[in-house]
Amino acid sequence: MVSPPVLAGERAFAPFPHFPPAAAAVAALGPRGCRWPLGEPADAGFAFCGAARRLRGSYCAVHARLARAGASRRGGRA
């Protein structure tokens, strides 16, 4: 997305200015985008991976493997 130029005294353009960073990241995420969080939800740069998700699940192939590896270390399922 290309932002319009900022004139003197104006604030920079934000696609979802009234949403907290985590809500803006969810709103910007496509329906088939990977839901793996990148960063801290309270930080301005928070986002989700957004790569194409696997047919089943919420994550792309890379993050699905990471989730399974984390679950097996904790003794749970992913």
N, C-alpha and C. Protein backbone atom coordinates (compact mmCIF):
# COMPACT_ATOMS: atom_id res chain seq x y z
N MET A 1 0.84 -1.16 0.00
CA MET A 1 0.00 0.00 0.00
C MET A 1 0.89 1.23 0.00
N VAL A 2 0.56 2.18 -0.84
CA VAL A 2 1.32 3.41 -0.92
C VAL A 2 0.60 4.48 -0.12
N SER A 3 1.32 5.11 0.78
CA SER A 3 0.74 6.16 1.60
C SER A 3 0.83 7.49 0.87
N PRO A 4 -0.17 8.36 1.04
CA PRO A 4 -0.09 9.68 0.43
C PRO A 4 1.01 10.49 1.09
N PRO A 5 1.51 11.51 0.40
CA PRO A 5 2.57 12.34 1.01
C PRO A 5 2.04 13.05 2.24
N VAL A 6 2.92 13.27 3.20
CA VAL A 6 2.54 13.96 4.44
C VAL A 6 2.95 15.42 4.31
N LEU A 7 2.00 16.31 4.49
CA LEU A 7 2.26 17.74 4.43
C LEU A 7 2.69 18.24 5.81
N ALA A 8 3.36 19.36 5.83
CA ALA A 8 3.83 19.94 7.09
C ALA A 8 2.65 20.11 8.04
N GLY A 9 2.79 19.62 9.27
CA GLY A 9 1.77 19.76 10.28
C GLY A 9 0.73 18.64 10.28
N GLU A 10 0.78 17.75 9.30
CA GLU A 10 -0.16 16.63 9.26
C GLU A 10 0.48 15.38 9.84
N ARG A 11 -0.37 14.49 10.33
CA ARG A 11 0.11 13.20 10.83
C ARG A 11 0.30 12.25 9.66
N ALA A 12 1.20 11.29 9.82
CA ALA A 12 1.42 10.27 8.80
C ALA A 12 0.16 9.43 8.65
N PHE A 13 -0.09 8.94 7.45
CA PHE A 13 -1.25 8.11 7.16
C PHE A 13 -1.10 6.75 7.83
N ALA A 14 -2.15 6.28 8.47
CA ALA A 14 -2.19 4.94 9.06
C ALA A 14 -3.45 4.27 8.52
N PRO A 15 -3.36 3.05 7.99
CA PRO A 15 -4.53 2.42 7.39
C PRO A 15 -5.69 2.19 8.37
N PHE A 16 -5.40 1.99 9.64
CA PHE A 16 -6.44 1.76 10.65
C PHE A 16 -6.09 2.61 11.87
N PRO A 17 -6.24 3.93 11.78
CA PRO A 17 -5.72 4.80 12.85
C PRO A 17 -6.42 4.65 14.19
N HIS A 18 -7.66 4.19 14.22
CA HIS A 18 -8.39 4.11 15.50
C HIS A 18 -8.29 2.74 16.15
N PHE A 19 -7.63 1.80 15.53
CA PHE A 19 -7.46 0.45 16.09
C PHE A 19 -6.12 0.35 16.83
N PRO A 20 -6.06 -0.42 17.93
CA PRO A 20 -4.76 -0.74 18.51
C PRO A 20 -3.97 -1.58 17.52
N PRO A 21 -2.64 -1.67 17.64
CA PRO A 21 -1.83 -2.40 16.67
C PRO A 21 -2.31 -3.83 16.39
N ALA A 22 -2.68 -4.57 17.42
CA ALA A 22 -3.11 -5.96 17.22
C ALA A 22 -4.40 -6.03 16.40
N ALA A 23 -5.34 -5.14 16.67
CA ALA A 23 -6.60 -5.13 15.92
C ALA A 23 -6.37 -4.72 14.48
N ALA A 24 -5.50 -3.75 14.24
CA ALA A 24 -5.17 -3.34 12.88
C ALA A 24 -4.52 -4.49 12.12
N ALA A 25 -3.66 -5.25 12.79
CA ALA A 25 -3.00 -6.39 12.14
C ALA A 25 -4.02 -7.45 11.75
N VAL A 26 -4.99 -7.71 12.60
CA VAL A 26 -6.04 -8.69 12.28
C VAL A 26 -6.88 -8.18 11.11
N ALA A 27 -7.25 -6.90 11.12
CA ALA A 27 -8.06 -6.33 10.06
C ALA A 27 -7.33 -6.35 8.72
N ALA A 28 -6.01 -6.23 8.72
CA ALA A 28 -5.23 -6.22 7.49
C ALA A 28 -4.94 -7.62 6.96
N LEU A 29 -5.15 -8.64 7.78
CA LEU A 29 -4.83 -10.01 7.40
C LEU A 29 -5.88 -10.57 6.46
N GLY A 30 -5.45 -11.19 5.38
CA GLY A 30 -6.38 -11.80 4.43
C GLY A 30 -6.99 -13.08 4.98
N PRO A 31 -8.05 -13.56 4.35
CA PRO A 31 -8.75 -14.74 4.87
C PRO A 31 -7.91 -16.02 4.83
N ARG A 32 -6.93 -16.09 3.96
CA ARG A 32 -6.08 -17.29 3.88
C ARG A 32 -4.67 -17.02 4.38
N GLY A 33 -4.46 -15.94 5.12
CA GLY A 33 -3.15 -15.59 5.63
C GLY A 33 -2.80 -16.31 6.91
N CYS A 34 -1.53 -16.63 7.07
CA CYS A 34 -1.01 -17.29 8.26
C CYS A 34 -1.22 -16.39 9.48
N ARG A 35 -1.71 -16.97 10.55
CA ARG A 35 -2.02 -16.22 11.77
C ARG A 35 -0.88 -16.24 12.79
N TRP A 36 0.34 -16.57 12.39
CA TRP A 36 1.48 -16.59 13.33
C TRP A 36 1.82 -15.15 13.69
N PRO A 37 1.79 -14.79 14.99
CA PRO A 37 2.07 -13.41 15.39
C PRO A 37 3.56 -13.08 15.28
N LEU A 38 3.83 -11.85 14.85
CA LEU A 38 5.20 -11.35 14.73
C LEU A 38 5.33 -10.13 15.63
N GLY A 39 6.03 -10.26 16.73
CA GLY A 39 6.21 -9.15 17.65
C GLY A 39 5.22 -9.18 18.79
N GLU A 40 5.17 -8.09 19.50
CA GLU A 40 4.29 -7.94 20.66
C GLU A 40 3.03 -7.19 20.25
N PRO A 41 1.84 -7.68 20.67
CA PRO A 41 0.58 -7.05 20.26
C PRO A 41 0.48 -5.55 20.57
N ALA A 42 1.11 -5.08 21.61
CA ALA A 42 1.03 -3.67 21.97
C ALA A 42 1.96 -2.78 21.15
N ASP A 43 2.90 -3.36 20.42
CA ASP A 43 3.87 -2.59 19.64
C ASP A 43 3.28 -2.14 18.31
N ALA A 44 3.68 -0.96 17.86
CA ALA A 44 3.17 -0.40 16.61
C ALA A 44 3.50 -1.29 15.41
N GLY A 45 4.61 -2.02 15.43
CA GLY A 45 5.00 -2.86 14.31
C GLY A 45 4.42 -4.26 14.33
N PHE A 46 3.50 -4.55 15.25
CA PHE A 46 2.92 -5.88 15.37
C PHE A 46 2.21 -6.27 14.08
N ALA A 47 2.37 -7.54 13.68
CA ALA A 47 1.73 -8.05 12.47
C ALA A 47 1.59 -9.56 12.58
N PHE A 48 1.01 -10.15 11.57
CA PHE A 48 0.94 -11.60 11.44
C PHE A 48 1.75 -11.98 10.21
N CYS A 49 2.18 -13.23 10.15
CA CYS A 49 2.99 -13.71 9.04
C CYS A 49 2.31 -13.38 7.70
N GLY A 50 1.08 -13.81 7.51
CA GLY A 50 0.33 -13.49 6.30
C GLY A 50 0.61 -14.38 5.10
N ALA A 51 1.59 -15.29 5.19
CA ALA A 51 1.85 -16.22 4.08
C ALA A 51 0.64 -17.15 3.89
N ALA A 52 0.58 -17.82 2.77
CA ALA A 52 -0.56 -18.71 2.50
C ALA A 52 -0.64 -19.81 3.54
N ARG A 53 -1.83 -19.95 4.14
CA ARG A 53 -2.04 -20.99 5.15
C ARG A 53 -2.17 -22.35 4.49
N ARG A 54 -1.92 -23.37 5.29
CA ARG A 54 -2.18 -24.74 4.85
C ARG A 54 -3.68 -24.92 4.72
N LEU A 55 -4.12 -25.98 4.04
CA LEU A 55 -5.55 -26.20 3.88
C LEU A 55 -6.27 -26.33 5.22
N ARG A 56 -5.62 -26.98 6.16
CA ARG A 56 -6.18 -27.10 7.51
C ARG A 56 -5.28 -26.33 8.46
N GLY A 57 -5.87 -25.63 9.38
CA GLY A 57 -5.09 -24.93 10.39
C GLY A 57 -4.99 -23.44 10.12
N SER A 58 -4.30 -22.77 11.03
CA SER A 58 -4.19 -21.33 11.00
C SER A 58 -2.84 -20.82 10.50
N TYR A 59 -1.89 -21.74 10.29
CA TYR A 59 -0.53 -21.33 9.99
C TYR A 59 -0.04 -21.83 8.63
N CYS A 60 0.99 -21.16 8.10
CA CYS A 60 1.67 -21.62 6.90
C CYS A 60 2.49 -22.87 7.28
N ALA A 61 3.08 -23.52 6.30
CA ALA A 61 3.82 -24.76 6.56
C ALA A 61 4.95 -24.56 7.57
N VAL A 62 5.69 -23.48 7.45
CA VAL A 62 6.82 -23.22 8.36
C VAL A 62 6.34 -23.04 9.79
N HIS A 63 5.33 -22.20 9.98
CA HIS A 63 4.87 -21.94 11.33
C HIS A 63 4.08 -23.11 11.91
N ALA A 64 3.44 -23.91 11.07
CA ALA A 64 2.77 -25.13 11.57
C ALA A 64 3.81 -26.08 12.15
N ARG A 65 4.97 -26.20 11.50
CA ARG A 65 6.05 -27.05 12.05
C ARG A 65 6.54 -26.50 13.37
N LEU A 66 6.72 -25.18 13.46
CA LEU A 66 7.17 -24.57 14.72
C LEU A 66 6.15 -24.80 15.83
N ALA A 67 4.87 -24.68 15.51
CA ALA A 67 3.82 -24.90 16.52
C ALA A 67 3.82 -26.35 16.99
N ARG A 68 3.97 -27.29 16.07
CA ARG A 68 4.02 -28.71 16.46
C ARG A 68 5.24 -28.99 17.31
N ALA A 69 6.39 -28.41 16.95
CA ALA A 69 7.61 -28.63 17.72
C ALA A 69 7.45 -28.08 19.14
N GLY A 70 6.83 -26.91 19.27
CA GLY A 70 6.61 -26.32 20.60
C GLY A 70 5.65 -27.15 21.42
N ALA A 71 4.60 -27.67 20.80
CA ALA A 71 3.62 -28.48 21.52
C ALA A 71 4.25 -29.80 21.98
N SER A 72 5.10 -30.39 21.15
CA SER A 72 5.71 -31.66 21.56
C SER A 72 6.69 -31.44 22.72
N ARG A 73 7.35 -30.29 22.76
CA ARG A 73 8.24 -29.99 23.89
C ARG A 73 7.45 -29.79 25.18
N ARG A 74 6.22 -29.28 25.04
CA ARG A 74 5.37 -29.05 26.22
C ARG A 74 4.55 -30.28 26.57
N GLY A 75 4.57 -31.29 25.70
CA GLY A 75 3.80 -32.50 25.97
C GLY A 75 2.36 -32.42 25.51
N GLY A 76 2.02 -31.41 24.69
CA GLY A 76 0.64 -31.25 24.21
C GLY A 76 0.53 -31.55 22.74
N ARG A 77 -0.64 -31.19 22.21
CA ARG A 77 -0.90 -31.38 20.79
C ARG A 77 -0.92 -30.03 20.11
N ALA A 78 -0.62 -30.03 18.79
CA ALA A 78 -0.73 -28.79 18.02
C ALA A 78 -1.70 -28.97 16.89
